Amino acid sequence: MKAFLFPGQGSQFVGMGKDLFESKKKAKSLFNIANEILGFKITDIMFNGSTEDLKQTNITQPSIFLHSVILFKTSKINHVSAVAGHSLGEFSALTAIGCLSFEDGLKLVIKRARAMQKACESSKSTMAAVLGVYDELVEKICKNYEDVVPANYNSPGQLVISGSNSSINKISSELSNKGAKVILLPVGGGFHSPYMDPAKKELGEAINNTKFSKPLCSIYQNYDANSELSVEKIKEKLILQLTSPVKWTQTIEKMISDGILEFYECGPGRVLQGLVKKISREVDTSSI
């Protein structure tokens, strides 16, 4: 059994997708369709823009989505047992397996990006990666702060937290004193936290007004790390994802326990490959 994984924000790089555009007719056609839908040439930014250009949420998210989905659609892939996507990557995964059309997937991603950007501008929030300590310790300390929550369970010993700027600074010092390495992330706001509630409402309306089809295979979703085939439940969890933690560690653990032992990352970068290796070391596969 093999699964395809789709990356989220942070995997972008200048020149992403250019090789696909130049070498495959179908890829070029899909990129041109995307330019028309967006109303501007995102390909110019992806292929030749600056690193700063690509960091803008409303550019980053559709760029990663396009690279991931077009790579999948133009590759010779014979069988997929399951898929999963990290945050934004869930939209790429759902489009790859036919739950969303290419056009609708892109429209939802740009709606999501703009809604999240708007939510960021209305609050002074941020994120920090906490490394080298048990997740349970981070969770315990987060409970002492009203406005700090776990946001991304990336791998054992790597948990990202979201919260107000002031509280993130305070908890960072406290965690450092406990032996953790804390890295403030260059993001626009506190993603996957209550700070994204306005964006969740806006995105939820768009999702509920978009046609979703039965997926070709199951998707393991960030919200609860479980596999899903029900269209209604997929939509529900996709909405809840914005204000809930990304349970990536739990997702990969569940996939492995379900007998999936081959993972292929589809999109820019190799971030997910590294996380899967770290997570798999902690899982006993002897009985699979």
C-alpha atoms as a PDB file:
ATOM      1  CA  MET A   1       0.000   0.000   0.000  1.00  0.00           C
ATOM      2  CA  LYS A   2       1.323   3.413  -0.935  1.00  0.00           C
ATOM      3  CA  ALA A   3       0.221   6.924  -0.069  1.00  0.00           C
ATOM      4  CA  PHE A   4       0.898  10.329  -1.574  1.00  0.00           C
ATOM      5  CA  LEU A   5       1.580  13.286   0.696  1.00  0.00           C
ATOM      6  CA  PHE A   6       1.068  16.935  -0.225  1.00  0.00           C
ATOM      7  CA  PRO A   7       3.031  19.737   1.487  1.00  0.00           C
ATOM      8  CA  GLY A   8       1.802  22.968   2.999  1.00  0.00           C
ATOM      9  CA  GLN A   9       3.107  26.485   3.431  1.00  0.00           C
ATOM     10  CA  GLY A  10       6.883  26.750   3.826  1.00  0.00           C
ATOM     11  CA  SER A  11       7.845  24.412   0.975  1.00  0.00           C
ATOM     12  CA  GLN A  12       7.879  27.112  -1.704  1.00  0.00           C
ATOM     13  CA  PHE A  13      10.995  28.152  -3.634  1.00  0.00           C
ATOM     14  CA  VAL A  14      11.739  30.471  -6.535  1.00  0.00           C
ATOM     15  CA  GLY A  15      11.478  28.594  -9.840  1.00  0.00           C
ATOM     16  CA  MET A  16       8.961  26.053  -8.537  1.00  0.00           C
ATOM     17  CA  GLY A  17       6.996  24.389 -11.324  1.00  0.00           C
ATOM     18  CA  LYS A  18       9.020  25.937 -14.138  1.00  0.00           C
ATOM     19  CA  ASP A  19      10.397  22.579 -15.291  1.00  0.00           C
ATOM     20  CA  LEU A  20       6.853  21.188 -15.514  1.00  0.00           C
ATOM     21  CA  PHE A  21       5.644  24.201 -17.494  1.00  0.00           C
ATOM     22  CA  GLU A  22       8.483  23.913 -19.989  1.00  0.00           C
ATOM     23  CA  SER A  23       8.508  20.123 -20.410  1.00  0.00           C
ATOM     24  CA  LYS A  24       4.850  19.014 -20.374  1.00  0.00           C
ATOM     25  CA  LYS A  25       1.999  20.335 -22.532  1.00  0.00           C
ATOM     26  CA  LYS A  26      -0.653  19.347 -20.010  1.00  0.00           C
ATOM     27  CA  ALA A  27       1.201  21.171 -17.255  1.00  0.00           C
ATOM     28  CA  LYS A  28       1.494  24.310 -19.380  1.00  0.00           C
ATOM     29  CA  SER A  29      -2.236  24.174 -20.105  1.00  0.00           C
ATOM     30  CA  LEU A  30      -3.130  23.846 -16.407  1.00  0.00           C
ATOM     31  CA  PHE A  31      -0.807  26.687 -15.407  1.00  0.00           C
ATOM     32  CA  ASN A  32      -2.426  28.917 -18.058  1.00  0.00           C
ATOM     33  CA  ILE A  33      -5.897  28.010 -16.760  1.00  0.00           C
ATOM     34  CA  ALA A  34      -4.717  28.983 -13.277  1.00  0.00           C
ATOM     35  CA  ASN A  35      -3.491  32.369 -14.543  1.00  0.00           C
ATOM     36  CA  GLU A  36      -6.939  33.030 -16.012  1.00  0.00           C
ATOM     37  CA  ILE A  37      -8.780  32.017 -12.838  1.00  0.00           C
ATOM     38  CA  LEU A  38      -6.544  34.153 -10.612  1.00  0.00           C
ATOM     39  CA  GLY A  39      -6.622  37.162 -12.921  1.00  0.00           C
ATOM     40  CA  PHE A  40      -2.841  37.560 -12.919  1.00  0.00           C
ATOM     41  CA  LYS A  41       0.181  35.533 -14.029  1.00  0.00           C
ATOM     42  CA  ILE A  42       1.117  33.632 -10.917  1.00  0.00           C
ATOM     43  CA  THR A  43       3.541  31.700 -13.118  1.00  0.00           C
ATOM     44  CA  ASP A  44       5.689  34.848 -13.440  1.00  0.00           C
ATOM     45  CA  ILE A  45       6.001  35.007  -9.647  1.00  0.00           C
ATOM     46  CA  MET A  46       6.539  31.259  -9.219  1.00  0.00           C
ATOM     47  CA  PHE A  47       9.189  31.035 -11.921  1.00  0.00           C
ATOM     48  CA  ASN A  48      10.955  34.398 -11.656  1.00  0.00           C
ATOM     49  CA  GLY A  49       9.702  36.254  -8.563  1.00  0.00           C
ATOM     50  CA  SER A  50      11.665  36.939  -5.396  1.00  0.00           C
ATOM     51  CA  THR A  51      11.662  34.924  -2.199  1.00  0.00           C
ATOM     52  CA  GLU A  52       9.774  37.784  -0.554  1.00  0.00           C
ATOM     53  CA  ASP A  53       7.084  37.666  -3.258  1.00  0.00           C
ATOM     54  CA  LEU A  54       6.548  33.961  -2.604  1.00  0.00           C
ATOM     55  CA  LYS A  55       6.206  34.514   1.167  1.00  0.00           C
ATOM     56  CA  GLN A  56       2.925  36.390   0.767  1.00  0.00           C
ATOM     57  CA  THR A  57       0.139  34.057   1.893  1.00  0.00           C
ATOM     58  CA  ASN A  58      -2.083  34.857  -1.098  1.00  0.00           C
ATOM     59  CA  ILE A  59       0.801  33.836  -3.395  1.00  0.00           C
ATOM     60  CA  THR A  60       2.345  31.019  -1.351  1.00  0.00           C
ATOM     61  CA  GLN A  61      -0.780  28.900  -0.988  1.00  0.00           C
ATOM     62  CA  PRO A  62      -1.933  28.832  -4.638  1.00  0.00           C
ATOM     63  CA  SER A  63       1.684  28.378  -5.791  1.00  0.00           C
ATOM     64  CA  ILE A  64       2.210  25.269  -3.666  1.00  0.00           C
ATOM     65  CA  PHE A  65      -1.233  23.948  -4.619  1.00  0.00           C
ATOM     66  CA  LEU A  66      -0.492  24.369  -8.334  1.00  0.00           C
ATOM     67  CA  HIS A  67       2.950  22.797  -8.165  1.00  0.00           C
ATOM     68  CA  SER A  68       1.641  19.812  -6.173  1.00  0.00           C
ATOM     69  CA  VAL A  69      -1.518  19.127  -8.178  1.00  0.00           C
ATOM     70  CA  ILE A  70       0.029  19.653 -11.605  1.00  0.00           C
ATOM     71  CA  LEU A  71       2.971  17.417 -10.691  1.00  0.00           C
ATOM     72  CA  PHE A  72       0.522  14.696  -9.648  1.00  0.00           C
ATOM     73  CA  LYS A  73      -1.662  15.064 -12.749  1.00  0.00           C
ATOM     74  CA  THR A  74       1.280  14.941 -15.147  1.00  0.00           C
ATOM     75  CA  SER A  75       3.089  12.003 -13.520  1.00  0.00           C
ATOM     76  CA  LYS A  76       2.568   8.336 -14.333  1.00  0.00           C
ATOM     77  CA  ILE A  77       0.896   7.161 -11.140  1.00  0.00           C
ATOM     78  CA  ASN A  78      -0.780   3.756 -11.348  1.00  0.00           C
ATOM     79  CA  HIS A  79      -2.252   3.172  -7.923  1.00  0.00           C
ATOM     80  CA  VAL A  80      -2.898   5.253  -4.830  1.00  0.00           C
ATOM     81  CA  SER A  81      -4.036   3.604  -1.605  1.00  0.00           C
ATOM     82  CA  ALA A  82      -4.539   6.844   0.307  1.00  0.00           C
ATOM     83  CA  VAL A  83      -3.514  10.498   0.480  1.00  0.00           C
ATOM     84  CA  ALA A  84      -2.849  13.121   3.129  1.00  0.00           C
ATOM     85  CA  GLY A  85      -1.915  16.780   3.014  1.00  0.00           C
ATOM     86  CA  HIS A  86      -0.279  19.035   5.587  1.00  0.00           C
ATOM     87  CA  SER A  87      -2.652  21.975   6.215  1.00  0.00           C
ATOM     88  CA  LEU A  88      -2.972  23.622   2.772  1.00  0.00           C
ATOM     89  CA  GLY A  89      -1.888  20.255   1.341  1.00  0.00           C
ATOM     90  CA  GLU A  90      -5.317  18.780   2.125  1.00  0.00           C
ATOM     91  CA  PHE A  91      -6.761  20.846  -0.730  1.00  0.00           C
ATOM     92  CA  SER A  92      -4.036  19.562  -3.073  1.00  0.00           C
ATOM     93  CA  ALA A  93      -4.726  15.988  -1.961  1.00  0.00           C
ATOM     94  CA  LEU A  94      -8.488  16.293  -2.477  1.00  0.00           C
ATOM     95  CA  THR A  95      -7.968  17.740  -5.951  1.00  0.00           C
ATOM     96  CA  ALA A  96      -5.491  15.004  -6.869  1.00  0.00           C
ATOM     97  CA  ILE A  97      -7.999  12.250  -6.024  1.00  0.00           C
ATOM     98  CA  GLY A  98     -10.926  13.871  -7.829  1.00  0.00           C
ATOM     99  CA  CYS A  99     -12.889  15.093  -4.820  1.00  0.00           C
ATOM    100  CA  LEU A 100     -12.429  18.645  -6.122  1.00  0.00           C
ATOM    101  CA  SER A 101     -12.012  19.779  -9.707  1.00  0.00           C
ATOM    102  CA  PHE A 102      -8.779  21.590 -10.544  1.00  0.00           C
ATOM    103  CA  GLU A 103     -10.659  24.876 -10.974  1.00  0.00           C
ATOM    104  CA  ASP A 104     -12.681  24.574  -7.769  1.00  0.00           C
ATOM    105  CA  GLY A 105      -9.665  23.441  -5.761  1.00  0.00           C
ATOM    106  CA  LEU A 106      -7.719  26.516  -6.848  1.00  0.00           C
ATOM    107  CA  LYS A 107     -10.637  28.850  -6.143  1.00  0.00           C
ATOM    108  CA  LEU A 108     -10.987  27.483  -2.613  1.00  0.00           C
ATOM    109  CA  VAL A 109      -7.252  27.791  -1.985  1.00  0.00           C
ATOM    110  CA  ILE A 110      -7.168  31.450  -3.008  1.00  0.00           C
ATOM    111  CA  LYS A 111     -10.294  32.098  -0.919  1.00  0.00           C
ATOM    112  CA  ARG A 112      -8.573  30.403   2.030  1.00  0.00           C
ATOM    113  CA  ALA A 113      -5.357  32.366   1.555  1.00  0.00           C
ATOM    114  CA  ARG A 114      -7.123  35.720   1.379  1.00  0.00           C
ATOM    115  CA  ALA A 115      -9.352  34.944   4.356  1.00  0.00           C
ATOM    116  CA  MET A 116      -6.343  33.887   6.430  1.00  0.00           C
ATOM    117  CA  GLN A 117      -4.428  37.001   5.400  1.00  0.00           C
ATOM    118  CA  LYS A 118      -7.368  39.157   6.476  1.00  0.00           C
ATOM    119  CA  ALA A 119      -7.564  37.353   9.828  1.00  0.00           C
ATOM    120  CA  CYS A 120      -3.834  37.889  10.352  1.00  0.00           C
ATOM    121  CA  GLU A 121      -4.171  41.618   9.773  1.00  0.00           C
ATOM    122  CA  SER A 122      -6.867  41.912  12.441  1.00  0.00           C
ATOM    123  CA  SER A 123      -4.808  40.316  15.232  1.00  0.00           C
ATOM    124  CA  LYS A 124      -1.301  40.504  16.619  1.00  0.00           C
ATOM    125  CA  SER A 125      -0.521  36.801  16.652  1.00  0.00           C
ATOM    126  CA  THR A 126       2.317  34.541  15.558  1.00  0.00           C
ATOM    127  CA  MET A 127       3.762  31.021  15.743  1.00  0.00           C
ATOM    128  CA  ALA A 128       6.835  29.321  17.166  1.00  0.00           C
ATOM    129  CA  ALA A 129       8.379  25.882  16.648  1.00  0.00           C
ATOM    130  CA  VAL A 130       9.269  24.031  19.836  1.00  0.00           C
ATOM    131  CA  LEU A 131      11.962  21.378  19.431  1.00  0.00           C
ATOM    132  CA  GLY A 132      13.632  18.795  21.633  1.00  0.00           C
ATOM    133  CA  VAL A 133      11.021  18.208  24.356  1.00  0.00           C
ATOM    134  CA  TYR A 134       7.998  15.954  24.735  1.00  0.00           C
ATOM    135  CA  ASP A 135       4.710  17.160  23.261  1.00  0.00           C
ATOM    136  CA  GLU A 136       3.048  16.560  26.630  1.00  0.00           C
ATOM    137  CA  LEU A 137       5.296  19.151  28.281  1.00  0.00           C
ATOM    138  CA  VAL A 138       4.453  21.762  25.653  1.00  0.00           C
ATOM    139  CA  GLU A 139       0.734  20.995  25.982  1.00  0.00           C
ATOM    140  CA  LYS A 140       0.923  21.330  29.774  1.00  0.00           C
ATOM    141  CA  ILE A 141       2.641  24.715  29.629  1.00  0.00           C
ATOM    142  CA  CYS A 142       0.255  25.970  26.924  1.00  0.00           C
ATOM    143  CA  LYS A 143      -2.642  25.406  29.339  1.00  0.00           C
ATOM    144  CA  ASN A 144      -1.195  28.143  31.554  1.00  0.00           C
ATOM    145  CA  TYR A 145      -1.824  30.667  28.766  1.00  0.00           C
ATOM    146  CA  GLU A 146      -5.334  31.624  27.645  1.00  0.00           C
ATOM    147  CA  ASP A 147      -4.208  32.552  24.127  1.00  0.00           C
ATOM    148  CA  VAL A 148      -1.573  29.921  23.220  1.00  0.00           C
ATOM    149  CA  VAL A 149      -2.438  26.566  21.655  1.00  0.00           C
ATOM    150  CA  PRO A 150      -0.651  23.653  19.950  1.00  0.00           C
ATOM    151  CA  ALA A 151      -0.967  24.254  16.194  1.00  0.00           C
ATOM    152  CA  ASN A 152       1.127  21.674  14.301  1.00  0.00           C
ATOM    153  CA  TYR A 153       2.130  18.246  15.616  1.00  0.00           C
ATOM    154  CA  ASN A 154       4.826  17.796  12.977  1.00  0.00           C
ATOM    155  CA  SER A 155       6.845  14.904  14.431  1.00  0.00           C
ATOM    156  CA  PRO A 156       7.882  13.625  17.862  1.00  0.00           C
ATOM    157  CA  GLY A 157       9.782  16.474  19.502  1.00  0.00           C
ATOM    158  CA  GLN A 158       8.624  19.071  16.976  1.00  0.00           C
ATOM    159  CA  LEU A 159       5.457  20.926  17.934  1.00  0.00           C
ATOM    160  CA  VAL A 160       4.458  24.349  16.604  1.00  0.00           C
ATOM    161  CA  ILE A 161       2.410  26.654  18.827  1.00  0.00           C
ATOM    162  CA  SER A 162       0.190  29.645  17.969  1.00  0.00           C
ATOM    163  CA  GLY A 163      -0.774  32.620  20.089  1.00  0.00           C
ATOM    164  CA  SER A 164      -0.582  36.354  20.683  1.00  0.00           C
ATOM    165  CA  ASN A 165       2.807  37.960  20.106  1.00  0.00           C
ATOM    166  CA  SER A 166       3.247  38.801  23.798  1.00  0.00           C
ATOM    167  CA  SER A 167       2.279  35.337  25.064  1.00  0.00           C
ATOM    168  CA  ILE A 168       4.422  33.549  22.486  1.00  0.00           C
ATOM    169  CA  ASN A 169       7.409  35.575  23.686  1.00  0.00           C
ATOM    170  CA  LYS A 170       6.674  34.678  27.320  1.00  0.00           C
ATOM    171  CA  ILE A 171       6.083  30.969  26.725  1.00  0.00           C
ATOM    172  CA  SER A 172       9.192  30.793  24.538  1.00  0.00           C
ATOM    173  CA  SER A 173      11.341  31.862  27.492  1.00  0.00           C
ATOM    174  CA  GLU A 174       9.587  29.396  29.779  1.00  0.00           C
ATOM    175  CA  LEU A 175      10.053  26.516  27.323  1.00  0.00           C
ATOM    176  CA  SER A 176      13.704  27.441  26.746  1.00  0.00           C
ATOM    177  CA  ASN A 177      14.283  27.175  30.498  1.00  0.00           C
ATOM    178  CA  LYS A 178      12.832  23.648  30.302  1.00  0.00           C
ATOM    179  CA  GLY A 179      15.443  22.643  27.711  1.00  0.00           C
ATOM    180  CA  ALA A 180      13.484  23.282  24.516  1.00  0.00           C
ATOM    181  CA  LYS A 181      14.815  24.984  21.440  1.00  0.00           C
ATOM    182  CA  VAL A 182      12.242  27.581  20.391  1.00  0.00           C
ATOM    183  CA  ILE A 183      12.242  29.206  16.963  1.00  0.00           C
ATOM    184  CA  LEU A 184       9.921  32.098  16.189  1.00  0.00           C
ATOM    185  CA  LEU A 185       8.467  31.537  12.713  1.00  0.00           C
ATOM    186  CA  PRO A 186       8.315  34.253  10.019  1.00  0.00           C
ATOM    187  CA  VAL A 187       4.537  33.991   9.534  1.00  0.00           C
ATOM    188  CA  GLY A 188       1.804  36.594   9.333  1.00  0.00           C
ATOM    189  CA  GLY A 189      -0.278  35.284  12.221  1.00  0.00           C
ATOM    190  CA  GLY A 190      -1.383  32.464  14.480  1.00  0.00           C
ATOM    191  CA  PHE A 191      -2.553  29.797  12.026  1.00  0.00           C
ATOM    192  CA  HIS A 192      -4.558  26.779  13.242  1.00  0.00           C
ATOM    193  CA  SER A 193      -5.776  28.626  16.315  1.00  0.00           C
ATOM    194  CA  PRO A 194      -8.882  30.583  17.393  1.00  0.00           C
ATOM    195  CA  TYR A 195      -7.293  33.620  15.726  1.00  0.00           C
ATOM    196  CA  MET A 196      -8.374  32.082  12.408  1.00  0.00           C
ATOM    197  CA  ASP A 197     -12.072  31.940  13.377  1.00  0.00           C
ATOM    198  CA  PRO A 198     -13.077  34.790  10.992  1.00  0.00           C
ATOM    199  CA  ALA A 199     -11.301  32.958   8.151  1.00  0.00           C
ATOM    200  CA  LYS A 200     -13.024  29.688   9.074  1.00  0.00           C
ATOM    201  CA  LYS A 201     -16.444  31.280   8.722  1.00  0.00           C
ATOM    202  CA  GLU A 202     -15.574  32.769   5.338  1.00  0.00           C
ATOM    203  CA  LEU A 203     -13.973  29.576   4.022  1.00  0.00           C
ATOM    204  CA  GLY A 204     -16.801  27.446   5.405  1.00  0.00           C
ATOM    205  CA  GLU A 205     -19.341  29.297   3.314  1.00  0.00           C
ATOM    206  CA  ALA A 206     -17.218  28.830   0.188  1.00  0.00           C
ATOM    207  CA  ILE A 207     -16.695  25.097   0.864  1.00  0.00           C
ATOM    208  CA  ASN A 208     -20.397  24.513   1.440  1.00  0.00           C
ATOM    209  CA  ASN A 209     -21.155  26.204  -1.891  1.00  0.00           C
ATOM    210  CA  THR A 210     -18.605  24.120  -3.828  1.00  0.00           C
ATOM    211  CA  LYS A 211     -19.267  20.750  -5.445  1.00  0.00           C
ATOM    212  CA  PHE A 212     -17.342  17.877  -3.873  1.00  0.00           C
ATOM    213  CA  SER A 213     -17.334  14.430  -5.506  1.00  0.00           C
ATOM    214  CA  LYS A 214     -16.642  11.052  -3.935  1.00  0.00           C
ATOM    215  CA  PRO A 215     -12.848  10.686  -3.742  1.00  0.00           C
ATOM    216  CA  LEU A 216     -11.046   7.901  -5.603  1.00  0.00           C
ATOM    217  CA  CYS A 217      -9.413   6.778  -2.356  1.00  0.00           C
ATOM    218  CA  SER A 218      -9.485   7.717   1.305  1.00  0.00           C
ATOM    219  CA  ILE A 219      -7.876  10.847   2.692  1.00  0.00           C
ATOM    220  CA  TYR A 220      -6.375  11.023   6.172  1.00  0.00           C
ATOM    221  CA  GLN A 221      -7.343  14.459   7.468  1.00  0.00           C
ATOM    222  CA  ASN A 222      -5.477  16.870   9.730  1.00  0.00           C
ATOM    223  CA  TYR A 223      -8.407  17.441  12.077  1.00  0.00           C
ATOM    224  CA  ASP A 224      -8.559  13.956  13.612  1.00  0.00           C
ATOM    225  CA  ALA A 225      -5.888  11.922  11.729  1.00  0.00           C
ATOM    226  CA  ASN A 226      -8.526   9.444  10.553  1.00  0.00           C
ATOM    227  CA  SER A 227      -9.185   8.226   7.014  1.00  0.00           C
ATOM    228  CA  GLU A 228     -12.299   9.562   5.355  1.00  0.00           C
ATOM    229  CA  LEU A 229     -14.410   8.849   2.271  1.00  0.00           C
ATOM    230  CA  SER A 230     -17.631  10.660   3.192  1.00  0.00           C
ATOM    231  CA  VAL A 231     -17.941  13.906   1.231  1.00  0.00           C
ATOM    232  CA  GLU A 232     -19.907  15.641   3.993  1.00  0.00           C
ATOM    233  CA  LYS A 233     -17.391  14.683   6.678  1.00  0.00           C
ATOM    234  CA  ILE A 234     -14.468  15.699   4.449  1.00  0.00           C
ATOM    235  CA  LYS A 235     -16.002  19.155   4.049  1.00  0.00           C
ATOM    236  CA  GLU A 236     -16.726  19.465   7.755  1.00  0.00           C
ATOM    237  CA  LYS A 237     -13.162  18.551   8.769  1.00  0.00           C
ATOM    238  CA  LEU A 238     -11.698  20.814   6.087  1.00  0.00           C
ATOM    239  CA  ILE A 239     -13.490  23.765   7.691  1.00  0.00           C
ATOM    240  CA  LEU A 240     -12.591  22.786  11.265  1.00  0.00           C
ATOM    241  CA  GLN A 241      -8.941  22.448  10.216  1.00  0.00           C
ATOM    242  CA  LEU A 242      -8.380  26.222  10.179  1.00  0.00           C
ATOM    243  CA  THR A 243      -8.828  26.638  13.923  1.00  0.00           C
ATOM    244  CA  SER A 244      -7.627  23.188  15.005  1.00  0.00           C
ATOM    245  CA  PRO A 245      -4.121  21.722  15.276  1.00  0.00           C
ATOM    246  CA  VAL A 246      -2.614  19.849  12.339  1.00  0.00           C
ATOM    247  CA  LYS A 247      -2.207  16.311  13.688  1.00  0.00           C
ATOM    248  CA  TRP A 248       0.512  15.254  11.273  1.00  0.00           C
ATOM    249  CA  THR A 249       2.379  12.972  13.673  1.00  0.00           C
ATOM    250  CA  GLN A 250      -0.857  11.172  14.510  1.00  0.00           C
ATOM    251  CA  THR A 251      -1.818  11.005  10.822  1.00  0.00           C
ATOM    252  CA  ILE A 252       1.363   9.246   9.744  1.00  0.00           C
ATOM    253  CA  GLU A 253       1.215   6.932  12.756  1.00  0.00           C
ATOM    254  CA  LYS A 254      -2.361   5.987  11.811  1.00  0.00           C
ATOM    255  CA  MET A 255      -1.436   5.409   8.165  1.00  0.00           C
ATOM    256  CA  ILE A 256       1.442   3.148   9.163  1.00  0.00           C
ATOM    257  CA  SER A 257      -0.775   1.206  11.589  1.00  0.00           C
ATOM    258  CA  ASP A 258      -3.263   0.756   8.734  1.00  0.00           C
ATOM    259  CA  GLY A 259      -0.548  -0.954   6.686  1.00  0.00           C
ATOM    260  CA  ILE A 260       0.724   1.920   4.535  1.00  0.00           C
ATOM    261  CA  LEU A 261       4.496   1.674   4.360  1.00  0.00           C
ATOM    262  CA  GLU A 262       5.301   3.538   1.129  1.00  0.00           C
ATOM    263  CA  PHE A 263       5.061   7.331   1.147  1.00  0.00           C
ATOM    264  CA  TYR A 264       5.632   9.649  -1.813  1.00  0.00           C
ATOM    265  CA  GLU A 265       5.799  13.422  -1.399  1.00  0.00           C
ATOM    266  CA  CYS A 266       4.136  15.288  -4.251  1.00  0.00           C
ATOM    267  CA  GLY A 267       5.011  18.964  -4.445  1.00  0.00           C
ATOM    268  CA  PRO A 268       7.853  21.395  -3.806  1.00  0.00           C
ATOM    269  CA  GLY A 269      10.523  20.480  -1.271  1.00  0.00           C
ATOM    270  CA  ARG A 270      11.110  17.400   0.861  1.00  0.00           C
ATOM    271  CA  VAL A 271       9.858  18.561   4.241  1.00  0.00           C
ATOM    272  CA  LEU A 272       7.283  15.796   4.616  1.00  0.00           C
ATOM    273  CA  GLN A 273       9.791  13.076   3.736  1.00  0.00           C
ATOM    274  CA  GLY A 274      11.903  14.163   6.681  1.00  0.00           C
ATOM    275  CA  LEU A 275       8.927  14.219   9.040  1.00  0.00           C
ATOM    276  CA  VAL A 276       7.781  10.753   7.950  1.00  0.00           C
ATOM    277  CA  LYS A 277      11.240   9.325   8.653  1.00  0.00           C
ATOM    278  CA  LYS A 278      11.223  10.800  12.169  1.00  0.00           C
ATOM    279  CA  ILE A 279       7.696   9.592  12.905  1.00  0.00           C
ATOM    280  CA  SER A 280       8.256   6.082  11.503  1.00  0.00           C
ATOM    281  CA  ARG A 281      11.212   5.544  13.843  1.00  0.00           C
ATOM    282  CA  GLU A 282       8.783   5.796  16.761  1.00  0.00           C
ATOM    283  CA  VAL A 283       6.247   3.321  15.336  1.00  0.00           C
ATOM    284  CA  ASP A 284       6.459  -0.426  15.842  1.00  0.00           C
ATOM    285  CA  THR A 285       5.864  -1.962  12.398  1.00  0.00           C
ATOM    286  CA  SER A 286       6.741  -5.527  13.346  1.00  0.00           C
ATOM    287  CA  SER A 287       3.109  -6.641  13.414  1.00  0.00           C
ATOM    288  CA  ILE A 288       2.194  -5.056  10.037  1.00  0.00           C
END
